[in-house]
Amino acid sequence: RTLGSAGDSQLFGFSAGPAYTFGAGVTRLWVSLGGGLLSEATSSTSKSTGTFNAAAGVELHFFSNGGLSVQGSYTRGFSGDYNYAALLGGLVFTL
């Protein structure tokens, strides 16, 4: 991408959708499909588009209220050249 004259760019993304969990023991698999909004701004332009989002993850509940989580996600914009993938890991806590 060509950035604005100041050379800076800001990207904001929001997504929401239901998640379905399979399993209730130590290992839990979940998948999610949803939609969202992606907005990009440079010093000279600003544009937004709707998005399609898909995500999946595995949770390993090592103790009664949580454990570790690994998840991957993909976001595709309805217009423009927006395709993003992410791989995340961290802690998960349940009530």
PDB file of N, CA and C in Angstrom:
ATOM      1  N   ARG A   1       0.828  -1.194   0.000  1.00  0.00           N
ATOM      2  CA  ARG A   1       0.000   0.000   0.000  1.00  0.00           C
ATOM      3  C   ARG A   1       0.870   1.254   0.000  1.00  0.00           C
ATOM      4  N   THR A   2       0.362   2.275  -0.642  1.00  0.00           N
ATOM      5  CA  THR A   2       1.008   3.576  -0.604  1.00  0.00           C
ATOM      6  C   THR A   2       0.399   4.362   0.543  1.00  0.00           C
ATOM      7  N   LEU A   3       1.223   4.844   1.429  1.00  0.00           N
ATOM      8  CA  LEU A   3       0.732   5.573   2.591  1.00  0.00           C
ATOM      9  C   LEU A   3       0.586   7.049   2.273  1.00  0.00           C
ATOM     10  N   GLY A   4      -0.081   7.768   3.178  1.00  0.00           N
ATOM     11  CA  GLY A   4      -0.263   9.195   3.008  1.00  0.00           C
ATOM     12  C   GLY A   4       1.059   9.937   3.032  1.00  0.00           C
ATOM     13  N   SER A   5       1.002  11.233   2.787  1.00  0.00           N
ATOM     14  CA  SER A   5       2.228  12.029   2.702  1.00  0.00           C
ATOM     15  C   SER A   5       3.020  12.009   4.006  1.00  0.00           C
ATOM     16  N   ALA A   6       2.331  11.843   5.143  1.00  0.00           N
ATOM     17  CA  ALA A   6       3.034  11.788   6.429  1.00  0.00           C
ATOM     18  C   ALA A   6       3.600  10.387   6.685  1.00  0.00           C
ATOM     19  N   GLY A   7       3.187   9.407   5.872  1.00  0.00           N
ATOM     20  CA  GLY A   7       3.704   8.058   6.027  1.00  0.00           C
ATOM     21  C   GLY A   7       3.089   7.254   7.146  1.00  0.00           C
ATOM     22  N   ASP A   8       1.953   7.693   7.672  1.00  0.00           N
ATOM     23  CA  ASP A   8       1.325   6.942   8.745  1.00  0.00           C
ATOM     24  C   ASP A   8      -0.021   6.385   8.289  1.00  0.00           C
ATOM     25  N   SER A   9      -0.438   5.299   8.921  1.00  0.00           N
ATOM     26  CA  SER A   9      -1.702   4.659   8.597  1.00  0.00           C
ATOM     27  C   SER A   9      -2.271   4.052   9.865  1.00  0.00           C
ATOM     28  N   GLN A  10      -3.593   4.099   9.999  1.00  0.00           N
ATOM     29  CA  GLN A  10      -4.262   3.515  11.153  1.00  0.00           C
ATOM     30  C   GLN A  10      -5.304   2.529  10.651  1.00  0.00           C
ATOM     31  N   LEU A  11      -5.401   1.383  11.317  1.00  0.00           N
ATOM     32  CA  LEU A  11      -6.346   0.346  10.935  1.00  0.00           C
ATOM     33  C   LEU A  11      -7.139  -0.063  12.170  1.00  0.00           C
ATOM     34  N   PHE A  12      -8.458  -0.089  12.036  1.00  0.00           N
ATOM     35  CA  PHE A  12      -9.339  -0.493  13.135  1.00  0.00           C
ATOM     36  C   PHE A  12     -10.244  -1.598  12.626  1.00  0.00           C
ATOM     37  N   GLY A  13     -10.356  -2.678  13.384  1.00  0.00           N
ATOM     38  CA  GLY A  13     -11.237  -3.780  13.016  1.00  0.00           C
ATOM     39  C   GLY A  13     -12.120  -4.192  14.173  1.00  0.00           C
ATOM     40  N   PHE A  14     -13.358  -4.539  13.858  1.00  0.00           N
ATOM     41  CA  PHE A  14     -14.318  -5.004  14.854  1.00  0.00           C
ATOM     42  C   PHE A  14     -15.056  -6.191  14.259  1.00  0.00           C
ATOM     43  N   SER A  15     -15.220  -7.257  15.028  1.00  0.00           N
ATOM     44  CA  SER A  15     -15.991  -8.397  14.546  1.00  0.00           C
ATOM     45  C   SER A  15     -16.810  -8.982  15.679  1.00  0.00           C
ATOM     46  N   ALA A  16     -17.933  -9.581  15.316  1.00  0.00           N
ATOM     47  CA  ALA A  16     -18.806 -10.215  16.299  1.00  0.00           C
ATOM     48  C   ALA A  16     -19.496 -11.406  15.647  1.00  0.00           C
ATOM     49  N   GLY A  17     -19.712 -12.434  16.407  1.00  0.00           N
ATOM     50  CA  GLY A  17     -20.398 -13.618  15.900  1.00  0.00           C
ATOM     51  C   GLY A  17     -20.476 -14.667  16.978  1.00  0.00           C
ATOM     52  N   PRO A  18     -21.407 -15.596  16.833  1.00  0.00           N
ATOM     53  CA  PRO A  18     -21.537 -16.658  17.826  1.00  0.00           C
ATOM     54  C   PRO A  18     -20.396 -17.663  17.725  1.00  0.00           C
ATOM     55  N   ALA A  19     -20.019 -18.222  18.843  1.00  0.00           N
ATOM     56  CA  ALA A  19     -18.999 -19.278  18.888  1.00  0.00           C
ATOM     57  C   ALA A  19     -19.667 -20.560  19.372  1.00  0.00           C
ATOM     58  N   TYR A  20     -19.320 -21.659  18.741  1.00  0.00           N
ATOM     59  CA  TYR A  20     -19.853 -22.964  19.109  1.00  0.00           C
ATOM     60  C   TYR A  20     -18.722 -23.812  19.672  1.00  0.00           C
ATOM     61  N   THR A  21     -18.909 -24.346  20.874  1.00  0.00           N
ATOM     62  CA  THR A  21     -17.877 -25.121  21.562  1.00  0.00           C
ATOM     63  C   THR A  21     -18.231 -26.604  21.518  1.00  0.00           C
ATOM     64  N   PHE A  22     -17.231 -27.424  21.199  1.00  0.00           N
ATOM     65  CA  PHE A  22     -17.394 -28.875  21.170  1.00  0.00           C
ATOM     66  C   PHE A  22     -16.507 -29.464  22.261  1.00  0.00           C
ATOM     67  N   GLY A  23     -17.129 -30.199  23.176  1.00  0.00           N
ATOM     68  CA  GLY A  23     -16.390 -30.806  24.277  1.00  0.00           C
ATOM     69  C   GLY A  23     -16.557 -30.012  25.552  1.00  0.00           C
ATOM     70  N   ALA A  24     -16.528 -30.703  26.664  1.00  0.00           N
ATOM     71  CA  ALA A  24     -16.669 -30.046  27.962  1.00  0.00           C
ATOM     72  C   ALA A  24     -15.611 -30.516  28.944  1.00  0.00           C
ATOM     73  N   GLY A  25     -14.658 -31.311  28.479  1.00  0.00           N
ATOM     74  CA  GLY A  25     -13.624 -31.833  29.364  1.00  0.00           C
ATOM     75  C   GLY A  25     -12.386 -30.964  29.350  1.00  0.00           C
ATOM     76  N   VAL A  26     -11.249 -31.600  29.377  1.00  0.00           N
ATOM     77  CA  VAL A  26      -9.973 -30.886  29.400  1.00  0.00           C
ATOM     78  C   VAL A  26      -9.714 -30.182  28.070  1.00  0.00           C
ATOM     79  N   THR A  27     -10.037 -30.830  26.944  1.00  0.00           N
ATOM     80  CA  THR A  27      -9.809 -30.253  25.620  1.00  0.00           C
ATOM     81  C   THR A  27     -11.130 -29.801  25.024  1.00  0.00           C
ATOM     82  N   ARG A  28     -11.181 -28.547  24.597  1.00  0.00           N
ATOM     83  CA  ARG A  28     -12.392 -27.994  23.994  1.00  0.00           C
ATOM     84  C   ARG A  28     -12.033 -27.331  22.666  1.00  0.00           C
ATOM     85  N   LEU A  29     -12.777 -27.642  21.628  1.00  0.00           N
ATOM     86  CA  LEU A  29     -12.610 -27.046  20.314  1.00  0.00           C
ATOM     87  C   LEU A  29     -13.771 -26.104  20.069  1.00  0.00           C
ATOM     88  N   TRP A  30     -13.498 -24.929  19.511  1.00  0.00           N
ATOM     89  CA  TRP A  30     -14.580 -23.998  19.199  1.00  0.00           C
ATOM     90  C   TRP A  30     -14.376 -23.391  17.810  1.00  0.00           C
ATOM     91  N   VAL A  31     -15.476 -23.036  17.178  1.00  0.00           N
ATOM     92  CA  VAL A  31     -15.469 -22.373  15.873  1.00  0.00           C
ATOM     93  C   VAL A  31     -16.433 -21.193  15.929  1.00  0.00           C
ATOM     94  N   SER A  32     -16.153 -20.194  15.108  1.00  0.00           N
ATOM     95  CA  SER A  32     -16.974 -18.993  15.089  1.00  0.00           C
ATOM     96  C   SER A  32     -17.011 -18.411  13.684  1.00  0.00           C
ATOM     97  N   LEU A  33     -18.181 -17.971  13.256  1.00  0.00           N
ATOM     98  CA  LEU A  33     -18.360 -17.241  12.007  1.00  0.00           C
ATOM     99  C   LEU A  33     -19.116 -15.967  12.324  1.00  0.00           C
ATOM    100  N   GLY A  34     -18.744 -14.882  11.683  1.00  0.00           N
ATOM    101  CA  GLY A  34     -19.429 -13.631  11.974  1.00  0.00           C
ATOM    102  C   GLY A  34     -19.109 -12.560  10.958  1.00  0.00           C
ATOM    103  N   GLY A  35     -19.491 -11.363  11.283  1.00  0.00           N
ATOM    104  CA  GLY A  35     -19.259 -10.209  10.435  1.00  0.00           C
ATOM    105  C   GLY A  35     -18.665  -9.087  11.240  1.00  0.00           C
ATOM    106  N   GLY A  36     -18.280  -8.041  10.562  1.00  0.00           N
ATOM    107  CA  GLY A  36     -17.683  -6.923  11.276  1.00  0.00           C
ATOM    108  C   GLY A  36     -17.454  -5.717  10.399  1.00  0.00           C
ATOM    109  N   LEU A  37     -16.590  -4.847  10.856  1.00  0.00           N
ATOM    110  CA  LEU A  37     -16.273  -3.599  10.180  1.00  0.00           C
ATOM    111  C   LEU A  37     -14.771  -3.388  10.229  1.00  0.00           C
ATOM    112  N   LEU A  38     -14.209  -2.937   9.122  1.00  0.00           N
ATOM    113  CA  LEU A  38     -12.791  -2.623   9.034  1.00  0.00           C
ATOM    114  C   LEU A  38     -12.663  -1.211   8.507  1.00  0.00           C
ATOM    115  N   SER A  39     -11.886  -0.378   9.181  1.00  0.00           N
ATOM    116  CA  SER A  39     -11.711   1.015   8.793  1.00  0.00           C
ATOM    117  C   SER A  39     -10.226   1.344   8.735  1.00  0.00           C
ATOM    118  N   GLU A  40      -9.806   1.976   7.646  1.00  0.00           N
ATOM    119  CA  GLU A  40      -8.420   2.379   7.467  1.00  0.00           C
ATOM    120  C   GLU A  40      -8.366   3.881   7.236  1.00  0.00           C
ATOM    121  N   ALA A  41      -7.405   4.530   7.871  1.00  0.00           N
ATOM    122  CA  ALA A  41      -7.241   5.977   7.711  1.00  0.00           C
ATOM    123  C   ALA A  41      -5.773   6.305   7.526  1.00  0.00           C
ATOM    124  N   THR A  42      -5.499   7.138   6.536  1.00  0.00           N
ATOM    125  CA  THR A  42      -4.170   7.701   6.356  1.00  0.00           C
ATOM    126  C   THR A  42      -4.302   9.200   6.558  1.00  0.00           C
ATOM    127  N   SER A  43      -3.233   9.924   6.375  1.00  0.00           N
ATOM    128  CA  SER A  43      -3.304  11.372   6.573  1.00  0.00           C
ATOM    129  C   SER A  43      -4.156  12.051   5.508  1.00  0.00           C
ATOM    130  N   SER A  44      -4.406  11.375   4.375  1.00  0.00           N
ATOM    131  CA  SER A  44      -5.169  12.019   3.306  1.00  0.00           C
ATOM    132  C   SER A  44      -6.487  11.328   2.974  1.00  0.00           C
ATOM    133  N   THR A  45      -6.686  10.058   3.352  1.00  0.00           N
ATOM    134  CA  THR A  45      -7.919   9.343   3.004  1.00  0.00           C
ATOM    135  C   THR A  45      -8.423   8.529   4.187  1.00  0.00           C
ATOM    136  N   SER A  46      -9.680   8.143   4.068  1.00  0.00           N
ATOM    137  CA  SER A  46     -10.292   7.279   5.061  1.00  0.00           C
ATOM    138  C   SER A  46     -11.323   6.416   4.340  1.00  0.00           C
ATOM    139  N   LYS A  47     -11.329   5.109   4.605  1.00  0.00           N
ATOM    140  CA  LYS A  47     -12.321   4.233   3.991  1.00  0.00           C
ATOM    141  C   LYS A  47     -12.669   3.094   4.941  1.00  0.00           C
ATOM    142  N   SER A  48     -13.894   2.587   4.791  1.00  0.00           N
ATOM    143  CA  SER A  48     -14.399   1.512   5.631  1.00  0.00           C
ATOM    144  C   SER A  48     -15.081   0.474   4.763  1.00  0.00           C
ATOM    145  N   THR A  49     -15.146  -0.753   5.270  1.00  0.00           N
ATOM    146  CA  THR A  49     -15.829  -1.830   4.572  1.00  0.00           C
ATOM    147  C   THR A  49     -16.347  -2.846   5.583  1.00  0.00           C
ATOM    148  N   GLY A  50     -17.366  -3.567   5.200  1.00  0.00           N
ATOM    149  CA  GLY A  50     -17.842  -4.676   6.008  1.00  0.00           C
ATOM    150  C   GLY A  50     -16.909  -5.860   5.844  1.00  0.00           C
ATOM    151  N   THR A  51     -16.928  -6.798   6.774  1.00  0.00           N
ATOM    152  CA  THR A  51     -16.028  -7.944   6.718  1.00  0.00           C
ATOM    153  C   THR A  51     -16.758  -9.240   7.027  1.00  0.00           C
ATOM    154  N   PHE A  52     -16.180 -10.332   6.555  1.00  0.00           N
ATOM    155  CA  PHE A  52     -16.548 -11.692   6.935  1.00  0.00           C
ATOM    156  C   PHE A  52     -15.420 -12.221   7.807  1.00  0.00           C
ATOM    157  N   ASN A  53     -15.753 -12.863   8.917  1.00  0.00           N
ATOM    158  CA  ASN A  53     -14.743 -13.351   9.853  1.00  0.00           C
ATOM    159  C   ASN A  53     -14.985 -14.825  10.174  1.00  0.00           C
ATOM    160  N   ALA A  54     -13.918 -15.582  10.215  1.00  0.00           N
ATOM    161  CA  ALA A  54     -13.975 -16.984  10.633  1.00  0.00           C
ATOM    162  C   ALA A  54     -12.839 -17.217  11.625  1.00  0.00           C
ATOM    163  N   ALA A  55     -13.122 -17.982  12.669  1.00  0.00           N
ATOM    164  CA  ALA A  55     -12.098 -18.259  13.681  1.00  0.00           C
ATOM    165  C   ALA A  55     -12.320 -19.653  14.248  1.00  0.00           C
ATOM    166  N   ALA A  56     -11.242 -20.235  14.751  1.00  0.00           N
ATOM    167  CA  ALA A  56     -11.311 -21.531  15.409  1.00  0.00           C
ATOM    168  C   ALA A  56     -10.211 -21.585  16.466  1.00  0.00           C
ATOM    169  N   GLY A  57     -10.432 -22.388  17.492  1.00  0.00           N
ATOM    170  CA  GLY A  57      -9.433 -22.474  18.544  1.00  0.00           C
ATOM    171  C   GLY A  57      -9.544 -23.743  19.360  1.00  0.00           C
ATOM    172  N   VAL A  58      -8.508 -24.000  20.116  1.00  0.00           N
ATOM    173  CA  VAL A  58      -8.452 -25.129  21.040  1.00  0.00           C
ATOM    174  C   VAL A  58      -8.134 -24.580  22.424  1.00  0.00           C
ATOM    175  N   GLU A  59      -8.902 -25.014  23.400  1.00  0.00           N
ATOM    176  CA  GLU A  59      -8.655 -24.641  24.796  1.00  0.00           C
ATOM    177  C   GLU A  59      -8.273 -25.889  25.577  1.00  0.00           C
ATOM    178  N   LEU A  60      -7.222 -25.787  26.357  1.00  0.00           N
ATOM    179  CA  LEU A  60      -6.773 -26.879  27.219  1.00  0.00           C
ATOM    180  C   LEU A  60      -6.974 -26.444  28.667  1.00  0.00           C
ATOM    181  N   HIS A  61      -8.007 -26.973  29.295  1.00  0.00           N
ATOM    182  CA  HIS A  61      -8.372 -26.574  30.659  1.00  0.00           C
ATOM    183  C   HIS A  61      -7.605 -27.431  31.663  1.00  0.00           C
ATOM    184  N   PHE A  62      -6.472 -26.911  32.129  1.00  0.00           N
ATOM    185  CA  PHE A  62      -5.611 -27.615  33.067  1.00  0.00           C
ATOM    186  C   PHE A  62      -6.064 -27.480  34.512  1.00  0.00           C
ATOM    187  N   PHE A  63      -6.854 -26.461  34.816  1.00  0.00           N
ATOM    188  CA  PHE A  63      -7.386 -26.300  36.160  1.00  0.00           C
ATOM    189  C   PHE A  63      -8.874 -26.008  36.049  1.00  0.00           C
ATOM    190  N   SER A  64      -9.596 -25.994  37.165  1.00  0.00           N
ATOM    191  CA  SER A  64     -11.064 -25.972  37.145  1.00  0.00           C
ATOM    192  C   SER A  64     -11.659 -24.754  36.442  1.00  0.00           C
ATOM    193  N   ASN A  65     -10.988 -23.630  36.442  1.00  0.00           N
ATOM    194  CA  ASN A  65     -11.558 -22.418  35.846  1.00  0.00           C
ATOM    195  C   ASN A  65     -10.783 -21.892  34.659  1.00  0.00           C
ATOM    196  N   GLY A  66     -10.041 -22.727  33.942  1.00  0.00           N
ATOM    197  CA  GLY A  66      -9.366 -22.235  32.752  1.00  0.00           C
ATOM    198  C   GLY A  66      -8.104 -22.986  32.419  1.00  0.00           C
ATOM    199  N   GLY A  67      -7.327 -22.376  31.547  1.00  0.00           N
ATOM    200  CA  GLY A  67      -6.099 -23.000  31.088  1.00  0.00           C
ATOM    201  C   GLY A  67      -5.474 -22.197  29.959  1.00  0.00           C
ATOM    202  N   LEU A  68      -5.020 -22.910  28.926  1.00  0.00           N
ATOM    203  CA  LEU A  68      -4.356 -22.268  27.784  1.00  0.00           C
ATOM    204  C   LEU A  68      -5.254 -22.312  26.562  1.00  0.00           C
ATOM    205  N   SER A  69      -5.064 -21.334  25.673  1.00  0.00           N
ATOM    206  CA  SER A  69      -5.862 -21.262  24.457  1.00  0.00           C
ATOM    207  C   SER A  69      -4.966 -20.926  23.274  1.00  0.00           C
ATOM    208  N   VAL A  70      -5.239 -21.564  22.135  1.00  0.00           N
ATOM    209  CA  VAL A  70      -4.593 -21.237  20.864  1.00  0.00           C
ATOM    210  C   VAL A  70      -5.716 -21.043  19.851  1.00  0.00           C
ATOM    211  N   GLN A  71      -5.669 -19.949  19.107  1.00  0.00           N
ATOM    212  CA  GLN A  71      -6.725 -19.696  18.137  1.00  0.00           C
ATOM    213  C   GLN A  71      -6.163 -19.065  16.871  1.00  0.00           C
ATOM    214  N   GLY A  72      -6.856 -19.307  15.795  1.00  0.00           N
ATOM    215  CA  GLY A  72      -6.521 -18.701  14.518  1.00  0.00           C
ATOM    216  C   GLY A  72      -7.753 -18.026  13.956  1.00  0.00           C
ATOM    217  N   SER A  73      -7.559 -16.944  13.220  1.00  0.00           N
ATOM    218  CA  SER A  73      -8.702 -16.241  12.642  1.00  0.00           C
ATOM    219  C   SER A  73      -8.357 -15.697  11.258  1.00  0.00           C
ATOM    220  N   TYR A  74      -9.399 -15.479  10.466  1.00  0.00           N
ATOM    221  CA  TYR A  74      -9.258 -14.943   9.115  1.00  0.00           C
ATOM    222  C   TYR A  74     -10.330 -13.887   8.907  1.00  0.00           C
ATOM    223  N   THR A  75      -9.956 -12.750   8.352  1.00  0.00           N
ATOM    224  CA  THR A  75     -10.883 -11.662   8.066  1.00  0.00           C
ATOM    225  C   THR A  75     -10.730 -11.262   6.606  1.00  0.00           C
ATOM    226  N   ARG A  76     -11.864 -11.138   5.907  1.00  0.00           N
ATOM    227  CA  ARG A  76     -11.854 -10.715   4.502  1.00  0.00           C
ATOM    228  C   ARG A  76     -12.852  -9.579   4.332  1.00  0.00           C
ATOM    229  N   GLY A  77     -12.398  -8.479   3.744  1.00  0.00           N
ATOM    230  CA  GLY A  77     -13.262  -7.330   3.508  1.00  0.00           C
ATOM    231  C   GLY A  77     -14.140  -7.536   2.287  1.00  0.00           C
ATOM    232  N   PHE A  78     -15.341  -6.956   2.309  1.00  0.00           N
ATOM    233  CA  PHE A  78     -16.254  -7.050   1.173  1.00  0.00           C
ATOM    234  C   PHE A  78     -15.755  -6.240  -0.017  1.00  0.00           C
ATOM    235  N   SER A  79     -15.026  -5.170   0.243  1.00  0.00           N
ATOM    236  CA  SER A  79     -14.473  -4.356  -0.840  1.00  0.00           C
ATOM    237  C   SER A  79     -13.029  -4.004  -0.505  1.00  0.00           C
ATOM    238  N   GLY A  80     -12.271  -3.683  -1.503  1.00  0.00           N
ATOM    239  CA  GLY A  80     -10.872  -3.350  -1.274  1.00  0.00           C
ATOM    240  C   GLY A  80     -10.026  -4.596  -1.143  1.00  0.00           C
ATOM    241  N   ASP A  81      -8.761  -4.400  -0.862  1.00  0.00           N
ATOM    242  CA  ASP A  81      -7.801  -5.495  -0.774  1.00  0.00           C
ATOM    243  C   ASP A  81      -7.508  -5.792   0.688  1.00  0.00           C
ATOM    244  N   TYR A  82      -8.530  -6.247   1.430  1.00  0.00           N
ATOM    245  CA  TYR A  82      -8.378  -6.524   2.852  1.00  0.00           C
ATOM    246  C   TYR A  82      -8.510  -8.012   3.118  1.00  0.00           C
ATOM    247  N   ASN A  83      -7.407  -8.666   3.443  1.00  0.00           N
ATOM    248  CA  ASN A  83      -7.369 -10.065   3.846  1.00  0.00           C
ATOM    249  C   ASN A  83      -6.362 -10.180   4.980  1.00  0.00           C
ATOM    250  N   TYR A  84      -6.830 -10.624   6.143  1.00  0.00           N
ATOM    251  CA  TYR A  84      -5.949 -10.704   7.302  1.00  0.00           C
ATOM    252  C   TYR A  84      -6.099 -12.056   7.982  1.00  0.00           C
ATOM    253  N   ALA A  85      -4.993 -12.618   8.403  1.00  0.00           N
ATOM    254  CA  ALA A  85      -4.990 -13.854   9.183  1.00  0.00           C
ATOM    255  C   ALA A  85      -4.197 -13.609  10.462  1.00  0.00           C
ATOM    256  N   ALA A  86      -4.624 -14.269  11.534  1.00  0.00           N
ATOM    257  CA  ALA A  86      -3.930 -14.090  12.819  1.00  0.00           C
ATOM    258  C   ALA A  86      -3.874 -15.417  13.550  1.00  0.00           C
ATOM    259  N   LEU A  87      -2.798 -15.616  14.300  1.00  0.00           N
ATOM    260  CA  LEU A  87      -2.632 -16.772  15.171  1.00  0.00           C
ATOM    261  C   LEU A  87      -2.285 -16.234  16.554  1.00  0.00           C
ATOM    262  N   LEU A  88      -3.109 -16.597  17.544  1.00  0.00           N
ATOM    263  CA  LEU A  88      -2.968 -16.052  18.895  1.00  0.00           C
ATOM    264  C   LEU A  88      -2.906 -17.174  19.917  1.00  0.00           C
ATOM    265  N   GLY A  89      -2.292 -16.903  21.037  1.00  0.00           N
ATOM    266  CA  GLY A  89      -2.248 -17.841  22.149  1.00  0.00           C
ATOM    267  C   GLY A  89      -2.300 -17.088  23.455  1.00  0.00           C
ATOM    268  N   GLY A  90      -2.822 -17.728  24.484  1.00  0.00           N
ATOM    269  CA  GLY A  90      -2.884 -17.053  25.773  1.00  0.00           C
ATOM    270  C   GLY A  90      -3.623 -17.872  26.812  1.00  0.00           C
ATOM    271  N   LEU A  91      -4.044 -17.201  27.836  1.00  0.00           N
ATOM    272  CA  LEU A  91      -4.784 -17.822  28.946  1.00  0.00           C
ATOM    273  C   LEU A  91      -6.277 -17.656  28.728  1.00  0.00           C
ATOM    274  N   VAL A  92      -7.046 -18.636  29.189  1.00  0.00           N
ATOM    275  CA  VAL A  92      -8.501 -18.548  29.141  1.00  0.00           C
ATOM    276  C   VAL A  92      -9.028 -18.831  30.547  1.00  0.00           C
ATOM    277  N   PHE A  93     -10.019 -18.042  30.960  1.00  0.00           N
ATOM    278  CA  PHE A  93     -10.646 -18.210  32.263  1.00  0.00           C
ATOM    279  C   PHE A  93     -12.138 -18.372  32.069  1.00  0.00           C
ATOM    280  N   THR A  94     -12.747 -19.328  32.745  1.00  0.00           N
ATOM    281  CA  THR A  94     -14.190 -19.568  32.644  1.00  0.00           C
ATOM    282  C   THR A  94     -14.827 -19.408  34.011  1.00  0.00           C
ATOM    283  N   LEU A  95     -16.112 -19.138  33.996  1.00  0.00           N
ATOM    284  CA  LEU A  95     -16.865 -18.984  35.243  1.00  0.00           C
ATOM    285  C   LEU A  95     -17.658 -20.227  35.534  1.00  0.00           C
TER     286      LEU A  95
END
